[in-house]
N, C-alpha and C. Protein backbone atom coordinates (compact mmCIF):
# COMPACT_ATOMS: atom_id res chain seq x y z
N MET A 1 27.40 3.18 -8.15
CA MET A 1 26.47 4.21 -7.73
C MET A 1 25.50 3.62 -6.70
N ASN A 2 25.41 4.24 -5.54
CA ASN A 2 24.47 3.79 -4.52
C ASN A 2 23.12 4.44 -4.74
N GLN A 3 22.10 3.62 -4.67
CA GLN A 3 20.74 4.09 -4.85
C GLN A 3 20.10 4.31 -3.48
N LYS A 4 19.41 5.40 -3.29
CA LYS A 4 18.72 5.68 -2.03
C LYS A 4 17.51 4.78 -1.89
N THR A 5 17.29 4.27 -0.70
CA THR A 5 16.10 3.47 -0.40
C THR A 5 15.02 4.40 0.15
N PHE A 6 13.83 4.25 -0.39
CA PHE A 6 12.69 5.07 0.05
C PHE A 6 11.81 4.25 0.98
N ASN A 7 11.64 4.73 2.19
CA ASN A 7 10.81 4.04 3.17
C ASN A 7 9.40 4.62 3.10
N LEU A 8 8.58 4.00 2.28
CA LEU A 8 7.20 4.49 2.13
C LEU A 8 6.37 4.23 3.38
N ASN A 9 6.78 3.28 4.21
CA ASN A 9 6.08 3.05 5.49
C ASN A 9 6.16 4.30 6.36
N ALA A 10 7.35 4.87 6.46
CA ALA A 10 7.54 6.07 7.27
C ALA A 10 6.72 7.23 6.71
N GLU A 11 6.71 7.34 5.38
CA GLU A 11 5.92 8.41 4.75
C GLU A 11 4.43 8.20 5.00
N LEU A 12 3.96 6.96 4.92
CA LEU A 12 2.55 6.67 5.17
C LEU A 12 2.18 6.95 6.62
N ARG A 13 3.05 6.58 7.56
CA ARG A 13 2.78 6.86 8.98
C ARG A 13 2.67 8.36 9.22
N GLU A 14 3.57 9.12 8.61
CA GLU A 14 3.54 10.58 8.77
C GLU A 14 2.26 11.16 8.18
N TRP A 15 1.92 10.73 6.97
CA TRP A 15 0.70 11.21 6.32
C TRP A 15 -0.53 10.87 7.16
N LEU A 16 -0.59 9.62 7.65
CA LEU A 16 -1.75 9.20 8.44
C LEU A 16 -1.85 9.99 9.74
N SER A 17 -0.73 10.26 10.36
CA SER A 17 -0.73 11.04 11.59
C SER A 17 -1.29 12.44 11.35
N VAL A 18 -0.86 13.07 10.26
CA VAL A 18 -1.35 14.40 9.91
C VAL A 18 -2.85 14.35 9.62
N ARG A 19 -3.27 13.37 8.82
CA ARG A 19 -4.69 13.26 8.46
C ARG A 19 -5.56 12.98 9.68
N LEU A 20 -5.08 12.14 10.60
CA LEU A 20 -5.86 11.89 11.81
C LEU A 20 -6.05 13.17 12.61
N SER A 21 -5.01 13.96 12.71
CA SER A 21 -5.13 15.24 13.41
C SER A 21 -6.14 16.15 12.73
N GLU A 22 -6.12 16.16 11.40
CA GLU A 22 -7.04 17.01 10.65
C GLU A 22 -8.48 16.52 10.77
N VAL A 23 -8.67 15.22 10.68
CA VAL A 23 -10.02 14.65 10.65
C VAL A 23 -10.62 14.54 12.05
N LEU A 24 -9.82 14.08 13.00
CA LEU A 24 -10.34 13.85 14.34
C LEU A 24 -10.23 15.07 15.24
N GLY A 25 -9.18 15.82 15.05
CA GLY A 25 -8.96 16.97 15.93
C GLY A 25 -8.91 16.53 17.38
N ASN A 26 -9.56 17.26 18.24
CA ASN A 26 -9.61 16.91 19.67
C ASN A 26 -11.00 16.42 20.08
N ASN A 27 -11.80 16.03 19.10
CA ASN A 27 -13.17 15.61 19.38
C ASN A 27 -13.28 14.10 19.20
N SER A 28 -13.41 13.37 20.29
CA SER A 28 -13.48 11.91 20.23
C SER A 28 -14.70 11.41 19.46
N ASN A 29 -15.74 12.24 19.34
CA ASN A 29 -16.92 11.83 18.58
C ASN A 29 -16.64 11.71 17.08
N ASN A 30 -15.60 12.38 16.60
CA ASN A 30 -15.28 12.34 15.18
C ASN A 30 -14.85 10.96 14.70
N ILE A 31 -14.42 10.11 15.61
CA ILE A 31 -13.99 8.76 15.22
C ILE A 31 -15.14 8.00 14.55
N ARG A 32 -16.36 8.36 14.87
CA ARG A 32 -17.54 7.70 14.27
C ARG A 32 -17.68 7.98 12.78
N TYR A 33 -17.01 9.00 12.30
CA TYR A 33 -17.15 9.40 10.91
C TYR A 33 -15.96 8.99 10.04
N VAL A 34 -15.14 8.09 10.57
CA VAL A 34 -13.95 7.64 9.85
C VAL A 34 -14.16 6.22 9.35
N GLU A 35 -13.84 6.01 8.07
CA GLU A 35 -13.81 4.66 7.49
C GLU A 35 -12.38 4.35 7.13
N PHE A 36 -11.91 3.18 7.51
CA PHE A 36 -10.56 2.76 7.17
C PHE A 36 -10.49 1.24 7.26
N ASN A 37 -10.69 0.60 6.13
CA ASN A 37 -10.68 -0.86 6.07
C ASN A 37 -9.25 -1.31 5.75
N VAL A 38 -8.55 -1.82 6.75
CA VAL A 38 -7.15 -2.20 6.59
C VAL A 38 -6.97 -3.26 5.52
N HIS A 39 -7.88 -4.21 5.46
CA HIS A 39 -7.80 -5.27 4.45
C HIS A 39 -7.89 -4.67 3.04
N GLU A 40 -8.80 -3.75 2.85
CA GLU A 40 -8.96 -3.09 1.56
C GLU A 40 -7.73 -2.25 1.21
N VAL A 41 -7.18 -1.57 2.20
CA VAL A 41 -5.98 -0.75 1.97
C VAL A 41 -4.82 -1.63 1.55
N LYS A 42 -4.65 -2.77 2.21
CA LYS A 42 -3.58 -3.71 1.85
C LYS A 42 -3.72 -4.13 0.39
N GLU A 43 -4.93 -4.47 -0.01
CA GLU A 43 -5.16 -4.87 -1.40
C GLU A 43 -4.89 -3.71 -2.36
N ASP A 44 -5.27 -2.50 -1.99
CA ASP A 44 -5.02 -1.32 -2.83
C ASP A 44 -3.52 -1.10 -3.01
N ILE A 45 -2.76 -1.28 -1.96
CA ILE A 45 -1.32 -1.08 -2.03
C ILE A 45 -0.67 -2.12 -2.94
N ILE A 46 -1.03 -3.38 -2.76
CA ILE A 46 -0.49 -4.44 -3.61
C ILE A 46 -0.83 -4.16 -5.06
N ARG A 47 -2.08 -3.83 -5.31
CA ARG A 47 -2.53 -3.56 -6.68
C ARG A 47 -1.80 -2.35 -7.26
N SER A 48 -1.57 -1.33 -6.47
CA SER A 48 -0.87 -0.14 -6.95
C SER A 48 0.55 -0.46 -7.41
N PHE A 49 1.29 -1.20 -6.60
CA PHE A 49 2.64 -1.58 -6.98
C PHE A 49 2.63 -2.47 -8.22
N TYR A 50 1.72 -3.42 -8.25
CA TYR A 50 1.64 -4.35 -9.37
C TYR A 50 1.28 -3.62 -10.67
N ASP A 51 0.22 -2.83 -10.62
CA ASP A 51 -0.25 -2.13 -11.83
C ASP A 51 0.76 -1.11 -12.35
N TYR A 52 1.46 -0.45 -11.44
CA TYR A 52 2.46 0.53 -11.86
C TYR A 52 3.49 -0.13 -12.77
N GLN A 53 3.94 -1.30 -12.37
CA GLN A 53 4.93 -2.04 -13.17
C GLN A 53 4.31 -2.61 -14.44
N LEU A 54 3.09 -3.11 -14.33
CA LEU A 54 2.40 -3.72 -15.46
C LEU A 54 2.22 -2.71 -16.60
N ILE A 55 1.77 -1.53 -16.27
CA ILE A 55 1.53 -0.48 -17.26
C ILE A 55 2.83 -0.12 -18.00
N ARG A 56 3.93 -0.21 -17.31
CA ARG A 56 5.22 0.14 -17.90
C ARG A 56 5.91 -1.04 -18.57
N GLY A 57 5.31 -2.22 -18.49
CA GLY A 57 5.88 -3.40 -19.13
C GLY A 57 7.15 -3.91 -18.48
N TRP A 58 7.30 -3.67 -17.19
CA TRP A 58 8.50 -4.11 -16.49
C TRP A 58 8.49 -5.63 -16.32
N PRO A 59 9.66 -6.24 -16.19
CA PRO A 59 9.73 -7.69 -16.00
C PRO A 59 9.53 -8.09 -14.53
N SER A 60 9.21 -9.36 -14.32
CA SER A 60 9.15 -9.96 -12.97
C SER A 60 8.26 -9.18 -12.01
N ILE A 61 7.09 -8.81 -12.47
CA ILE A 61 6.21 -7.94 -11.69
C ILE A 61 5.79 -8.57 -10.37
N ALA A 62 5.35 -9.83 -10.40
CA ALA A 62 4.90 -10.48 -9.16
C ALA A 62 6.04 -10.61 -8.17
N LYS A 63 7.22 -10.95 -8.64
CA LYS A 63 8.37 -11.09 -7.75
C LYS A 63 8.72 -9.76 -7.11
N HIS A 64 8.82 -8.72 -7.93
CA HIS A 64 9.21 -7.41 -7.40
C HIS A 64 8.14 -6.84 -6.47
N THR A 65 6.88 -7.03 -6.82
CA THR A 65 5.80 -6.57 -5.94
C THR A 65 5.89 -7.29 -4.60
N GLY A 66 6.09 -8.60 -4.65
CA GLY A 66 6.23 -9.38 -3.42
C GLY A 66 7.40 -8.92 -2.57
N ASP A 67 8.52 -8.61 -3.23
CA ASP A 67 9.69 -8.13 -2.49
C ASP A 67 9.39 -6.84 -1.75
N VAL A 68 8.66 -5.94 -2.39
CA VAL A 68 8.35 -4.64 -1.78
C VAL A 68 7.37 -4.79 -0.62
N VAL A 69 6.32 -5.58 -0.81
CA VAL A 69 5.25 -5.64 0.20
C VAL A 69 5.41 -6.79 1.19
N GLY A 70 6.45 -7.59 1.04
CA GLY A 70 6.73 -8.64 2.02
C GLY A 70 5.93 -9.92 1.83
N TYR A 71 5.55 -10.23 0.61
CA TYR A 71 4.86 -11.47 0.28
C TYR A 71 5.71 -12.23 -0.73
N ASP A 72 5.52 -13.54 -0.80
CA ASP A 72 6.26 -14.26 -1.83
C ASP A 72 5.54 -14.13 -3.17
N GLU A 73 6.29 -14.41 -4.21
CA GLU A 73 5.80 -14.23 -5.58
C GLU A 73 4.50 -15.00 -5.83
N SER A 74 4.41 -16.21 -5.31
CA SER A 74 3.20 -17.02 -5.55
C SER A 74 1.97 -16.40 -4.91
N ALA A 75 2.14 -15.78 -3.75
CA ALA A 75 1.00 -15.11 -3.09
C ALA A 75 0.52 -13.93 -3.94
N ILE A 76 1.45 -13.21 -4.54
CA ILE A 76 1.08 -12.07 -5.39
C ILE A 76 0.35 -12.59 -6.63
N ARG A 77 0.85 -13.66 -7.22
CA ARG A 77 0.19 -14.23 -8.41
C ARG A 77 -1.24 -14.67 -8.08
N LYS A 78 -1.44 -15.31 -6.93
CA LYS A 78 -2.78 -15.72 -6.51
C LYS A 78 -3.68 -14.52 -6.30
N PHE A 79 -3.13 -13.49 -5.67
CA PHE A 79 -3.88 -12.27 -5.42
C PHE A 79 -4.36 -11.66 -6.74
N VAL A 80 -3.46 -11.56 -7.71
CA VAL A 80 -3.78 -10.95 -9.00
C VAL A 80 -4.83 -11.77 -9.72
N ARG A 81 -4.70 -13.09 -9.73
CA ARG A 81 -5.71 -13.94 -10.38
C ARG A 81 -7.07 -13.79 -9.72
N ARG A 82 -7.09 -13.72 -8.41
CA ARG A 82 -8.34 -13.60 -7.65
C ARG A 82 -9.03 -12.26 -7.91
N LYS A 83 -8.23 -11.20 -8.13
CA LYS A 83 -8.79 -9.86 -8.27
C LYS A 83 -9.11 -9.47 -9.69
N HIS A 84 -8.80 -10.31 -10.66
CA HIS A 84 -9.14 -9.99 -12.07
C HIS A 84 -10.53 -10.42 -12.40
């Protein structure tokens, strides 16, 4: 059985494009009212993948999280220790 791969990057790009249109519209002054900390978002994404698996008791959480987000397992383990 072949499993479909879900490209969440493409979904995020689409969502962000729609939200930018909604929030900014055609008014360049609206950019002053937008907050988007990329570093914080990256941490939120890593934590979301990690916690989702943790809550469900899945095995190899750091490895699988790293595989999804493009980091090695040791980097995920360091991240989790630092954020607890």
